[in-house]
Amino acid sequence: MGIEEDIGAMAVDIDQWLDKKAPIAYQNSDTAQDWQRISKITEEAGEVVRAFMNLTGANPRRGQSGTLEDVTDEMADVALTAVLAIQHFTKDWSATEGILWNRLVEVWQRMPDRYRTE
């Protein structure tokens, strides 16, 4: 099994686990679970901002603390949370992967040709 299959299997497993561990009040409401997955992306994005503020010393009460690794780890959390939210809606890793690849290609195609390494 290649790394791509491993990633897909892990995403499916995590998605199923998150569905099973949804708060009791959400378990009978698909919409509540949808909102929980989407709003989690925003929560994680806030953690990126906080980590960057710590790194740059933007909060004078705290001074400069944290590392670039803290920032990049939080950004990875945002990316993974978004991927898992897509998986929540598709329930099909191939569809999730297709959405990600299609979007990447769309963004890449919007770049001026001089920046592409085809």
PDB file of N, CA and C in Angstrom:
ATOM      1  N   MET A   1       0.858  -1.189   0.000  1.00  0.00           N
ATOM      2  CA  MET A   1       0.000   0.000   0.000  1.00  0.00           C
ATOM      3  C   MET A   1       0.891   1.235   0.000  1.00  0.00           C
ATOM      4  N   GLY A   2       0.632   2.165  -0.932  1.00  0.00           N
ATOM      5  CA  GLY A   2       1.413   3.390  -1.024  1.00  0.00           C
ATOM      6  C   GLY A   2       0.914   4.433  -0.039  1.00  0.00           C
ATOM      7  N   ILE A   3       1.670   5.502   0.083  1.00  0.00           N
ATOM      8  CA  ILE A   3       1.334   6.571   1.027  1.00  0.00           C
ATOM      9  C   ILE A   3      -0.033   7.170   0.715  1.00  0.00           C
ATOM     10  N   GLU A   4      -0.394   7.268  -0.586  1.00  0.00           N
ATOM     11  CA  GLU A   4      -1.690   7.846  -0.938  1.00  0.00           C
ATOM     12  C   GLU A   4      -2.835   7.022  -0.351  1.00  0.00           C
ATOM     13  N   GLU A   5      -2.727   5.688  -0.455  1.00  0.00           N
ATOM     14  CA  GLU A   5      -3.751   4.825   0.130  1.00  0.00           C
ATOM     15  C   GLU A   5      -3.759   4.944   1.650  1.00  0.00           C
ATOM     16  N   ASP A   6      -2.598   5.065   2.247  1.00  0.00           N
ATOM     17  CA  ASP A   6      -2.512   5.231   3.701  1.00  0.00           C
ATOM     18  C   ASP A   6      -3.234   6.505   4.130  1.00  0.00           C
ATOM     19  N   ILE A   7      -3.014   7.598   3.413  1.00  0.00           N
ATOM     20  CA  ILE A   7      -3.654   8.870   3.751  1.00  0.00           C
ATOM     21  C   ILE A   7      -5.163   8.737   3.643  1.00  0.00           C
ATOM     22  N   GLY A   8      -5.621   8.133   2.568  1.00  0.00           N
ATOM     23  CA  GLY A   8      -7.058   7.952   2.385  1.00  0.00           C
ATOM     24  C   GLY A   8      -7.667   7.100   3.481  1.00  0.00           C
ATOM     25  N   ALA A   9      -7.022   6.001   3.814  1.00  0.00           N
ATOM     26  CA  ALA A   9      -7.529   5.120   4.866  1.00  0.00           C
ATOM     27  C   ALA A   9      -7.558   5.844   6.214  1.00  0.00           C
ATOM     28  N   MET A  10      -6.517   6.624   6.473  1.00  0.00           N
ATOM     29  CA  MET A  10      -6.498   7.379   7.734  1.00  0.00           C
ATOM     30  C   MET A  10      -7.613   8.410   7.767  1.00  0.00           C
ATOM     31  N   ALA A  11      -7.842   9.109   6.653  1.00  0.00           N
ATOM     32  CA  ALA A  11      -8.907  10.118   6.605  1.00  0.00           C
ATOM     33  C   ALA A  11     -10.275   9.477   6.815  1.00  0.00           C
ATOM     34  N   VAL A  12     -10.508   8.330   6.194  1.00  0.00           N
ATOM     35  CA  VAL A  12     -11.777   7.620   6.367  1.00  0.00           C
ATOM     36  C   VAL A  12     -11.950   7.209   7.825  1.00  0.00           C
ATOM     37  N   ASP A  13     -10.898   6.652   8.419  1.00  0.00           N
ATOM     38  CA  ASP A  13     -10.968   6.228   9.829  1.00  0.00           C
ATOM     39  C   ASP A  13     -11.253   7.406  10.757  1.00  0.00           C
ATOM     40  N   ILE A  14     -10.543   8.506  10.556  1.00  0.00           N
ATOM     41  CA  ILE A  14     -10.733   9.673  11.422  1.00  0.00           C
ATOM     42  C   ILE A  14     -12.136  10.236  11.245  1.00  0.00           C
ATOM     43  N   ASP A  15     -12.613  10.304  10.007  1.00  0.00           N
ATOM     44  CA  ASP A  15     -13.965  10.803   9.745  1.00  0.00           C
ATOM     45  C   ASP A  15     -15.008   9.949  10.465  1.00  0.00           C
ATOM     46  N   GLN A  16     -14.880   8.652  10.367  1.00  0.00           N
ATOM     47  CA  GLN A  16     -15.832   7.755  11.044  1.00  0.00           C
ATOM     48  C   GLN A  16     -15.762   7.926  12.560  1.00  0.00           C
ATOM     49  N   TRP A  17     -14.561   8.061  13.087  1.00  0.00           N
ATOM     50  CA  TRP A  17     -14.386   8.256  14.531  1.00  0.00           C
ATOM     51  C   TRP A  17     -15.040   9.566  14.975  1.00  0.00           C
ATOM     52  N   LEU A  18     -14.810  10.642  14.205  1.00  0.00           N
ATOM     53  CA  LEU A  18     -15.411  11.928  14.549  1.00  0.00           C
ATOM     54  C   LEU A  18     -16.939  11.858  14.514  1.00  0.00           C
ATOM     55  N   ASP A  19     -17.482  11.146  13.530  1.00  0.00           N
ATOM     56  CA  ASP A  19     -18.940  10.984  13.476  1.00  0.00           C
ATOM     57  C   ASP A  19     -19.461  10.258  14.713  1.00  0.00           C
ATOM     58  N   LYS A  20     -18.759   9.204  15.104  1.00  0.00           N
ATOM     59  CA  LYS A  20     -19.190   8.417  16.267  1.00  0.00           C
ATOM     60  C   LYS A  20     -19.034   9.191  17.572  1.00  0.00           C
ATOM     61  N   LYS A  21     -18.065  10.096  17.618  1.00  0.00           N
ATOM     62  CA  LYS A  21     -17.792  10.842  18.840  1.00  0.00           C
ATOM     63  C   LYS A  21     -18.447  12.220  18.853  1.00  0.00           C
ATOM     64  N   ALA A  22     -19.328  12.481  17.900  1.00  0.00           N
ATOM     65  CA  ALA A  22     -20.047  13.762  17.893  1.00  0.00           C
ATOM     66  C   ALA A  22     -20.848  13.877  19.185  1.00  0.00           C
ATOM     67  N   PRO A  23     -21.013  15.093  19.696  1.00  0.00           N
ATOM     68  CA  PRO A  23     -21.818  15.257  20.909  1.00  0.00           C
ATOM     69  C   PRO A  23     -23.195  14.609  20.743  1.00  0.00           C
ATOM     70  N   ILE A  24     -23.712  14.048  21.814  1.00  0.00           N
ATOM     71  CA  ILE A  24     -25.008  13.359  21.789  1.00  0.00           C
ATOM     72  C   ILE A  24     -26.075  14.226  21.124  1.00  0.00           C
ATOM     73  N   ALA A  25     -26.098  15.505  21.451  1.00  0.00           N
ATOM     74  CA  ALA A  25     -27.118  16.402  20.889  1.00  0.00           C
ATOM     75  C   ALA A  25     -26.986  16.532  19.370  1.00  0.00           C
ATOM     76  N   TYR A  26     -25.799  16.243  18.812  1.00  0.00           N
ATOM     77  CA  TYR A  26     -25.566  16.382  17.373  1.00  0.00           C
ATOM     78  C   TYR A  26     -25.792  15.078  16.612  1.00  0.00           C
ATOM     79  N   GLN A  27     -25.783  13.953  17.306  1.00  0.00           N
ATOM     80  CA  GLN A  27     -25.767  12.667  16.617  1.00  0.00           C
ATOM     81  C   GLN A  27     -26.998  12.414  15.754  1.00  0.00           C
ATOM     82  N   ASN A  28     -28.117  12.986  16.085  1.00  0.00           N
ATOM     83  CA  ASN A  28     -29.319  12.785  15.282  1.00  0.00           C
ATOM     84  C   ASN A  28     -29.609  13.964  14.365  1.00  0.00           C
ATOM     85  N   SER A  29     -28.645  14.831  14.202  1.00  0.00           N
ATOM     86  CA  SER A  29     -28.816  15.993  13.343  1.00  0.00           C
ATOM     87  C   SER A  29     -27.631  16.129  12.407  1.00  0.00           C
ATOM     88  N   ASP A  30     -27.855  15.760  11.152  1.00  0.00           N
ATOM     89  CA  ASP A  30     -26.771  15.877  10.170  1.00  0.00           C
ATOM     90  C   ASP A  30     -26.296  17.320  10.060  1.00  0.00           C
ATOM     91  N   THR A  31     -27.232  18.259  10.086  1.00  0.00           N
ATOM     92  CA  THR A  31     -26.867  19.666   9.940  1.00  0.00           C
ATOM     93  C   THR A  31     -25.967  20.116  11.089  1.00  0.00           C
ATOM     94  N   ALA A  32     -26.252  19.689  12.300  1.00  0.00           N
ATOM     95  CA  ALA A  32     -25.421  20.066  13.446  1.00  0.00           C
ATOM     96  C   ALA A  32     -24.005  19.522  13.265  1.00  0.00           C
ATOM     97  N   GLN A  33     -23.880  18.302  12.782  1.00  0.00           N
ATOM     98  CA  GLN A  33     -22.550  17.741  12.557  1.00  0.00           C
ATOM     99  C   GLN A  33     -21.838  18.481  11.423  1.00  0.00           C
ATOM    100  N   ASP A  34     -22.597  18.873  10.394  1.00  0.00           N
ATOM    101  CA  ASP A  34     -22.000  19.656   9.304  1.00  0.00           C
ATOM    102  C   ASP A  34     -21.435  20.963   9.841  1.00  0.00           C
ATOM    103  N   TRP A  35     -22.229  21.657  10.634  1.00  0.00           N
ATOM    104  CA  TRP A  35     -21.782  22.933  11.216  1.00  0.00           C
ATOM    105  C   TRP A  35     -20.566  22.734  12.116  1.00  0.00           C
ATOM    106  N   GLN A  36     -20.563  21.651  12.868  1.00  0.00           N
ATOM    107  CA  GLN A  36     -19.432  21.377  13.751  1.00  0.00           C
ATOM    108  C   GLN A  36     -18.150  21.200  12.938  1.00  0.00           C
ATOM    109  N   ARG A  37     -18.218  20.456  11.840  1.00  0.00           N
ATOM    110  CA  ARG A  37     -17.027  20.230  11.020  1.00  0.00           C
ATOM    111  C   ARG A  37     -16.551  21.521  10.363  1.00  0.00           C
ATOM    112  N   ILE A  38     -17.483  22.325   9.862  1.00  0.00           N
ATOM    113  CA  ILE A  38     -17.107  23.573   9.182  1.00  0.00           C
ATOM    114  C   ILE A  38     -16.561  24.592  10.183  1.00  0.00           C
ATOM    115  N   SER A  39     -17.223  24.739  11.314  1.00  0.00           N
ATOM    116  CA  SER A  39     -16.773  25.744  12.286  1.00  0.00           C
ATOM    117  C   SER A  39     -15.434  25.362  12.911  1.00  0.00           C
ATOM    118  N   LYS A  40     -15.119  24.088  12.937  1.00  0.00           N
ATOM    119  CA  LYS A  40     -13.824  23.647  13.470  1.00  0.00           C
ATOM    120  C   LYS A  40     -12.671  24.212  12.637  1.00  0.00           C
ATOM    121  N   ILE A  41     -12.893  24.398  11.336  1.00  0.00           N
ATOM    122  CA  ILE A  41     -11.858  24.986  10.481  1.00  0.00           C
ATOM    123  C   ILE A  41     -11.524  26.395  10.967  1.00  0.00           C
ATOM    124  N   THR A  42     -12.551  27.168  11.280  1.00  0.00           N
ATOM    125  CA  THR A  42     -12.350  28.538  11.764  1.00  0.00           C
ATOM    126  C   THR A  42     -11.641  28.540  13.110  1.00  0.00           C
ATOM    127  N   GLU A  43     -12.014  27.628  13.978  1.00  0.00           N
ATOM    128  CA  GLU A  43     -11.346  27.533  15.276  1.00  0.00           C
ATOM    129  C   GLU A  43      -9.853  27.265  15.082  1.00  0.00           C
ATOM    130  N   GLU A  44      -9.535  26.333  14.214  1.00  0.00           N
ATOM    131  CA  GLU A  44      -8.128  26.017  13.952  1.00  0.00           C
ATOM    132  C   GLU A  44      -7.401  27.210  13.341  1.00  0.00           C
ATOM    133  N   ALA A  45      -8.066  27.954  12.455  1.00  0.00           N
ATOM    134  CA  ALA A  45      -7.450  29.150  11.859  1.00  0.00           C
ATOM    135  C   ALA A  45      -7.120  30.174  12.941  1.00  0.00           C
ATOM    136  N   GLY A  46      -7.985  30.297  13.926  1.00  0.00           N
ATOM    137  CA  GLY A  46      -7.701  31.197  15.042  1.00  0.00           C
ATOM    138  C   GLY A  46      -6.441  30.789  15.787  1.00  0.00           C
ATOM    139  N   GLU A  47      -6.205  29.493  15.877  1.00  0.00           N
ATOM    140  CA  GLU A  47      -4.993  29.009  16.543  1.00  0.00           C
ATOM    141  C   GLU A  47      -3.739  29.362  15.743  1.00  0.00           C
ATOM    142  N   VAL A  48      -3.857  29.404  14.423  1.00  0.00           N
ATOM    143  CA  VAL A  48      -2.727  29.852  13.589  1.00  0.00           C
ATOM    144  C   VAL A  48      -2.407  31.304  13.907  1.00  0.00           C
ATOM    145  N   VAL A  49      -3.449  32.127  13.964  1.00  0.00           N
ATOM    146  CA  VAL A  49      -3.264  33.553  14.255  1.00  0.00           C
ATOM    147  C   VAL A  49      -2.599  33.724  15.620  1.00  0.00           C
ATOM    148  N   ARG A  50      -3.086  32.999  16.615  1.00  0.00           N
ATOM    149  CA  ARG A  50      -2.507  33.106  17.953  1.00  0.00           C
ATOM    150  C   ARG A  50      -1.043  32.681  17.949  1.00  0.00           C
ATOM    151  N   ALA A  51      -0.729  31.578  17.259  1.00  0.00           N
ATOM    152  CA  ALA A  51       0.660  31.115  17.193  1.00  0.00           C
ATOM    153  C   ALA A  51       1.550  32.144  16.500  1.00  0.00           C
ATOM    154  N   PHE A  52       1.037  32.767  15.442  1.00  0.00           N
ATOM    155  CA  PHE A  52       1.827  33.776  14.734  1.00  0.00           C
ATOM    156  C   PHE A  52       2.003  35.027  15.590  1.00  0.00           C
ATOM    157  N   MET A  53       0.970  35.410  16.317  1.00  0.00           N
ATOM    158  CA  MET A  53       1.087  36.555  17.232  1.00  0.00           C
ATOM    159  C   MET A  53       2.141  36.273  18.291  1.00  0.00           C
ATOM    160  N   ASN A  54       2.170  35.049  18.794  1.00  0.00           N
ATOM    161  CA  ASN A  54       3.195  34.678  19.775  1.00  0.00           C
ATOM    162  C   ASN A  54       4.586  34.739  19.162  1.00  0.00           C
ATOM    163  N   LEU A  55       4.714  34.245  17.944  1.00  0.00           N
ATOM    164  CA  LEU A  55       6.011  34.241  17.271  1.00  0.00           C
ATOM    165  C   LEU A  55       6.527  35.656  17.028  1.00  0.00           C
ATOM    166  N   THR A  56       5.635  36.552  16.624  1.00  0.00           N
ATOM    167  CA  THR A  56       6.058  37.905  16.260  1.00  0.00           C
ATOM    168  C   THR A  56       6.026  38.888  17.421  1.00  0.00           C
ATOM    169  N   GLY A  57       5.514  38.462  18.556  1.00  0.00           N
ATOM    170  CA  GLY A  57       5.430  39.361  19.703  1.00  0.00           C
ATOM    171  C   GLY A  57       4.332  40.398  19.554  1.00  0.00           C
ATOM    172  N   ALA A  58       3.299  40.097  18.788  1.00  0.00           N
ATOM    173  CA  ALA A  58       2.221  41.061  18.531  1.00  0.00           C
ATOM    174  C   ALA A  58       1.393  41.366  19.773  1.00  0.00           C
ATOM    175  N   ASN A  59       1.427  40.503  20.747  1.00  0.00           N
ATOM    176  CA  ASN A  59       0.712  40.752  21.996  1.00  0.00           C
ATOM    177  C   ASN A  59       1.734  41.246  23.026  1.00  0.00           C
ATOM    178  N   PRO A  60       1.702  42.543  23.372  1.00  0.00           N
ATOM    179  CA  PRO A  60       2.726  43.085  24.270  1.00  0.00           C
ATOM    180  C   PRO A  60       2.706  42.449  25.660  1.00  0.00           C
ATOM    181  N   ARG A  61       1.595  41.907  26.081  1.00  0.00           N
ATOM    182  CA  ARG A  61       1.544  41.258  27.395  1.00  0.00           C
ATOM    183  C   ARG A  61       2.338  39.962  27.420  1.00  0.00           C
ATOM    184  N   ARG A  62       2.438  39.309  26.285  1.00  0.00           N
ATOM    185  CA  ARG A  62       3.128  38.019  26.234  1.00  0.00           C
ATOM    186  C   ARG A  62       4.544  38.122  25.710  1.00  0.00           C
ATOM    187  N   GLY A  63       4.804  39.158  24.933  1.00  0.00           N
ATOM    188  CA  GLY A  63       6.122  39.259  24.314  1.00  0.00           C
ATOM    189  C   GLY A  63       6.271  38.227  23.217  1.00  0.00           C
ATOM    190  N   GLN A  64       7.494  38.037  22.796  1.00  0.00           N
ATOM    191  CA  GLN A  64       7.752  37.090  21.720  1.00  0.00           C
ATOM    192  C   GLN A  64       7.947  35.707  22.304  1.00  0.00           C
ATOM    193  N   SER A  65       7.114  34.800  21.895  1.00  0.00           N
ATOM    194  CA  SER A  65       7.211  33.406  22.345  1.00  0.00           C
ATOM    195  C   SER A  65       6.742  32.528  21.190  1.00  0.00           C
ATOM    196  N   GLY A  66       6.975  31.273  21.276  1.00  0.00           N
ATOM    197  CA  GLY A  66       6.556  30.372  20.218  1.00  0.00           C
ATOM    198  C   GLY A  66       7.598  30.291  19.117  1.00  0.00           C
ATOM    199  N   THR A  67       7.343  29.373  18.200  1.00  0.00           N
ATOM    200  CA  THR A  67       8.283  29.099  17.123  1.00  0.00           C
ATOM    201  C   THR A  67       7.552  29.061  15.781  1.00  0.00           C
ATOM    202  N   LEU A  68       8.330  29.125  14.732  1.00  0.00           N
ATOM    203  CA  LEU A  68       7.757  28.965  13.399  1.00  0.00           C
ATOM    204  C   LEU A  68       7.128  27.571  13.274  1.00  0.00           C
ATOM    205  N   GLU A  69       7.706  26.595  13.934  1.00  0.00           N
ATOM    206  CA  GLU A  69       7.126  25.241  13.923  1.00  0.00           C
ATOM    207  C   GLU A  69       5.725  25.244  14.531  1.00  0.00           C
ATOM    208  N   ASP A  70       5.516  26.035  15.585  1.00  0.00           N
ATOM    209  CA  ASP A  70       4.167  26.159  16.158  1.00  0.00           C
ATOM    210  C   ASP A  70       3.185  26.677  15.109  1.00  0.00           C
ATOM    211  N   VAL A  71       3.625  27.663  14.343  1.00  0.00           N
ATOM    212  CA  VAL A  71       2.773  28.267  13.312  1.00  0.00           C
ATOM    213  C   VAL A  71       2.475  27.255  12.218  1.00  0.00           C
ATOM    214  N   THR A  72       3.510  26.579  11.717  1.00  0.00           N
ATOM    215  CA  THR A  72       3.288  25.630  10.627  1.00  0.00           C
ATOM    216  C   THR A  72       2.479  24.411  11.089  1.00  0.00           C
ATOM    217  N   ASP A  73       2.676  23.990  12.335  1.00  0.00           N
ATOM    218  CA  ASP A  73       1.852  22.891  12.866  1.00  0.00           C
ATOM    219  C   ASP A  73       0.383  23.293  12.910  1.00  0.00           C
ATOM    220  N   GLU A  74       0.114  24.516  13.327  1.00  0.00           N
ATOM    221  CA  GLU A  74      -1.270  24.988  13.374  1.00  0.00           C
ATOM    222  C   GLU A  74      -1.858  25.114  11.965  1.00  0.00           C
ATOM    223  N   MET A  75      -1.033  25.546  10.998  1.00  0.00           N
ATOM    224  CA  MET A  75      -1.518  25.611   9.617  1.00  0.00           C
ATOM    225  C   MET A  75      -1.833  24.210   9.094  1.00  0.00           C
ATOM    226  N   ALA A  76      -1.021  23.233   9.462  1.00  0.00           N
ATOM    227  CA  ALA A  76      -1.294  21.851   9.069  1.00  0.00           C
ATOM    228  C   ALA A  76      -2.607  21.376   9.687  1.00  0.00           C
ATOM    229  N   ASP A  77      -2.871  21.790  10.928  1.00  0.00           N
ATOM    230  CA  ASP A  77      -4.153  21.445  11.558  1.00  0.00           C
ATOM    231  C   ASP A  77      -5.327  22.018  10.772  1.00  0.00           C
ATOM    232  N   VAL A  78      -5.178  23.253  10.279  1.00  0.00           N
ATOM    233  CA  VAL A  78      -6.240  23.864   9.466  1.00  0.00           C
ATOM    234  C   VAL A  78      -6.456  23.036   8.196  1.00  0.00           C
ATOM    235  N   ALA A  79      -5.359  22.707   7.526  1.00  0.00           N
ATOM    236  CA  ALA A  79      -5.460  21.943   6.280  1.00  0.00           C
ATOM    237  C   ALA A  79      -6.113  20.579   6.516  1.00  0.00           C
ATOM    238  N   LEU A  80      -5.674  19.884   7.548  1.00  0.00           N
ATOM    239  CA  LEU A  80      -6.242  18.566   7.835  1.00  0.00           C
ATOM    240  C   LEU A  80      -7.705  18.659   8.244  1.00  0.00           C
ATOM    241  N   THR A  81      -8.040  19.664   9.018  1.00  0.00           N
ATOM    242  CA  THR A  81      -9.435  19.848   9.435  1.00  0.00           C
ATOM    243  C   THR A  81     -10.315  20.106   8.223  1.00  0.00           C
ATOM    244  N   ALA A  82      -9.824  20.885   7.267  1.00  0.00           N
ATOM    245  CA  ALA A  82     -10.584  21.146   6.047  1.00  0.00           C
ATOM    246  C   ALA A  82     -10.732  19.867   5.220  1.00  0.00           C
ATOM    247  N   VAL A  83      -9.667  19.092   5.093  1.00  0.00           N
ATOM    248  CA  VAL A  83      -9.744  17.828   4.348  1.00  0.00           C
ATOM    249  C   VAL A  83     -10.755  16.894   5.012  1.00  0.00           C
ATOM    250  N   LEU A  84     -10.716  16.819   6.326  1.00  0.00           N
ATOM    251  CA  LEU A  84     -11.657  15.951   7.034  1.00  0.00           C
ATOM    252  C   LEU A  84     -13.094  16.461   6.933  1.00  0.00           C
ATOM    253  N   ALA A  85     -13.271  17.760   6.822  1.00  0.00           N
ATOM    254  CA  ALA A  85     -14.617  18.304   6.606  1.00  0.00           C
ATOM    255  C   ALA A  85     -15.120  17.910   5.217  1.00  0.00           C
ATOM    256  N   ILE A  86     -14.249  17.976   4.222  1.00  0.00           N
ATOM    257  CA  ILE A  86     -14.645  17.532   2.882  1.00  0.00           C
ATOM    258  C   ILE A  86     -15.023  16.051   2.927  1.00  0.00           C
ATOM    259  N   GLN A  87     -14.196  15.255   3.597  1.00  0.00           N
ATOM    260  CA  GLN A  87     -14.467  13.820   3.728  1.00  0.00           C
ATOM    261  C   GLN A  87     -15.805  13.579   4.435  1.00  0.00           C
ATOM    262  N   HIS A  88     -16.131  14.398   5.394  1.00  0.00           N
ATOM    263  CA  HIS A  88     -17.417  14.292   6.097  1.00  0.00           C
ATOM    264  C   HIS A  88     -18.580  14.401   5.118  1.00  0.00           C
ATOM    265  N   PHE A  89     -18.446  15.310   4.159  1.00  0.00           N
ATOM    266  CA  PHE A  89     -19.524  15.514   3.188  1.00  0.00           C
ATOM    267  C   PHE A  89     -19.533  14.447   2.092  1.00  0.00           C
ATOM    268  N   THR A  90     -18.357  13.988   1.657  1.00  0.00           N
ATOM    269  CA  THR A  90     -18.325  13.023   0.549  1.00  0.00           C
ATOM    270  C   THR A  90     -18.495  11.583   1.020  1.00  0.00           C
ATOM    271  N   LYS A  91     -17.930  11.266   2.174  1.00  0.00           N
ATOM    272  CA  LYS A  91     -17.872   9.889   2.682  1.00  0.00           C
ATOM    273  C   LYS A  91     -17.218   8.943   1.674  1.00  0.00           C
ATOM    274  N   ASP A  92     -16.347   9.500   0.850  1.00  0.00           N
ATOM    275  CA  ASP A  92     -15.688   8.732  -0.204  1.00  0.00           C
ATOM    276  C   ASP A  92     -14.319   9.362  -0.449  1.00  0.00           C
ATOM    277  N   TRP A  93     -13.249   8.661  -0.046  1.00  0.00           N
ATOM    278  CA  TRP A  93     -11.914   9.242  -0.161  1.00  0.00           C
ATOM    279  C   TRP A  93     -11.582   9.611  -1.594  1.00  0.00           C
ATOM    280  N   SER A  94     -11.981   8.793  -2.562  1.00  0.00           N
ATOM    281  CA  SER A  94     -11.691   9.113  -3.963  1.00  0.00           C
ATOM    282  C   SER A  94     -12.328  10.439  -4.354  1.00  0.00           C
ATOM    283  N   ALA A  95     -13.545  10.686  -3.902  1.00  0.00           N
ATOM    284  CA  ALA A  95     -14.214  11.962  -4.191  1.00  0.00           C
ATOM    285  C   ALA A  95     -13.492  13.109  -3.492  1.00  0.00           C
ATOM    286  N   THR A  96     -13.111  12.908  -2.232  1.00  0.00           N
ATOM    287  CA  THR A  96     -12.382  13.941  -1.481  1.00  0.00           C
ATOM    288  C   THR A  96     -11.070  14.267  -2.177  1.00  0.00           C
ATOM    289  N   GLU A  97     -10.333  13.240  -2.540  1.00  0.00           N
ATOM    290  CA  GLU A  97      -9.053  13.437  -3.223  1.00  0.00           C
ATOM    291  C   GLU A  97      -9.263  14.151  -4.556  1.00  0.00           C
ATOM    292  N   GLY A  98     -10.318  13.788  -5.268  1.00  0.00           N
ATOM    293  CA  GLY A  98     -10.623  14.439  -6.536  1.00  0.00           C
ATOM    294  C   GLY A  98     -10.924  15.915  -6.366  1.00  0.00           C
ATOM    295  N   ILE A  99     -11.665  16.260  -5.328  1.00  0.00           N
ATOM    296  CA  ILE A  99     -11.962  17.669  -5.037  1.00  0.00           C
ATOM    297  C   ILE A  99     -10.671  18.436  -4.789  1.00  0.00           C
ATOM    298  N   LEU A 100      -9.796  17.863  -3.986  1.00  0.00           N
ATOM    299  CA  LEU A 100      -8.530  18.530  -3.664  1.00  0.00           C
ATOM    300  C   LEU A 100      -7.667  18.710  -4.909  1.00  0.00           C
ATOM    301  N   TRP A 101      -7.513  17.645  -5.704  1.00  0.00           N
ATOM    302  CA  TRP A 101      -6.689  17.740  -6.907  1.00  0.00           C
ATOM    303  C   TRP A 101      -7.287  18.716  -7.908  1.00  0.00           C
ATOM    304  N   ASN A 102      -8.609  18.645  -8.107  1.00  0.00           N
ATOM    305  CA  ASN A 102      -9.254  19.561  -9.058  1.00  0.00           C
ATOM    306  C   ASN A 102      -9.052  21.009  -8.644  1.00  0.00           C
ATOM    307  N   ARG A 103      -9.172  21.276  -7.369  1.00  0.00           N
ATOM    308  CA  ARG A 103      -9.002  22.641  -6.888  1.00  0.00           C
ATOM    309  C   ARG A 103      -7.561  23.103  -7.051  1.00  0.00           C
ATOM    310  N   LEU A 104      -6.612  22.217  -6.744  1.00  0.00           N
ATOM    311  CA  LEU A 104      -5.205  22.551  -6.917  1.00  0.00           C
ATOM    312  C   LEU A 104      -4.906  22.885  -8.378  1.00  0.00           C
ATOM    313  N   VAL A 105      -5.421  22.084  -9.283  1.00  0.00           N
ATOM    314  CA  VAL A 105      -5.210  22.338 -10.710  1.00  0.00           C
ATOM    315  C   VAL A 105      -5.838  23.670 -11.113  1.00  0.00           C
ATOM    316  N   GLU A 106      -7.035  23.962 -10.622  1.00  0.00           N
ATOM    317  CA  GLU A 106      -7.690  25.233 -10.954  1.00  0.00           C
ATOM    318  C   GLU A 106      -6.854  26.425 -10.491  1.00  0.00           C
ATOM    319  N   VAL A 107      -6.329  26.348  -9.299  1.00  0.00           N
ATOM    320  CA  VAL A 107      -5.501  27.445  -8.777  1.00  0.00           C
ATOM    321  C   VAL A 107      -4.213  27.544  -9.589  1.00  0.00           C
ATOM    322  N   TRP A 108      -3.587  26.408  -9.873  1.00  0.00           N
ATOM    323  CA  TRP A 108      -2.352  26.387 -10.648  1.00  0.00           C
ATOM    324  C   TRP A 108      -2.563  26.991 -12.033  1.00  0.00           C
ATOM    325  N   GLN A 109      -3.707  26.669 -12.656  1.00  0.00           N
ATOM    326  CA  GLN A 109      -3.984  27.181 -14.003  1.00  0.00           C
ATOM    327  C   GLN A 109      -4.226  28.685 -14.026  1.00  0.00           C
ATOM    328  N   ARG A 110      -4.578  29.265 -12.912  1.00  0.00           N
ATOM    329  CA  ARG A 110      -4.778  30.726 -12.849  1.00  0.00           C
ATOM    330  C   ARG A 110      -3.455  31.484 -12.778  1.00  0.00           C
ATOM    331  N   MET A 111      -2.377  30.777 -12.479  1.00  0.00           N
ATOM    332  CA  MET A 111      -1.075  31.439 -12.404  1.00  0.00           C
ATOM    333  C   MET A 111      -0.610  31.847 -13.788  1.00  0.00           C
ATOM    334  N   PRO A 112       0.150  32.931 -13.875  1.00  0.00           N
ATOM    335  CA  PRO A 112       0.768  33.269 -15.169  1.00  0.00           C
ATOM    336  C   PRO A 112       1.712  32.128 -15.590  1.00  0.00           C
ATOM    337  N   ASP A 113       1.765  31.866 -16.880  1.00  0.00           N
ATOM    338  CA  ASP A 113       2.573  30.761 -17.400  1.00  0.00           C
ATOM    339  C   ASP A 113       4.030  30.817 -16.955  1.00  0.00           C
ATOM    340  N   ARG A 114       4.551  32.016 -16.791  1.00  0.00           N
ATOM    341  CA  ARG A 114       5.983  32.141 -16.473  1.00  0.00           C
ATOM    342  C   ARG A 114       6.334  31.532 -15.116  1.00  0.00           C
ATOM    343  N   TYR A 115       5.353  31.299 -14.258  1.00  0.00           N
ATOM    344  CA  TYR A 115       5.625  30.736 -12.939  1.00  0.00           C
ATOM    345  C   TYR A 115       5.445  29.214 -12.897  1.00  0.00           C
ATOM    346  N   ARG A 116       4.943  28.632 -13.960  1.00  0.00           N
ATOM    347  CA  ARG A 116       4.653  27.193 -13.973  1.00  0.00           C
ATOM    348  C   ARG A 116       5.901  26.386 -14.325  1.00  0.00           C
ATOM    349  N   THR A 117       6.031  25.268 -13.687  1.00  0.00           N
ATOM    350  CA  THR A 117       7.088  24.306 -14.010  1.00  0.00           C
ATOM    351  C   THR A 117       6.417  23.058 -14.540  1.00  0.00           C
ATOM    352  N   GLU A 118       6.047  23.115 -15.801  1.00  0.00           N
ATOM    353  CA  GLU A 118       5.323  21.985 -16.414  1.00  0.00           C
ATOM    354  C   GLU A 118       6.257  20.891 -16.830  1.00  0.00           C
TER     355      GLU A 118
END
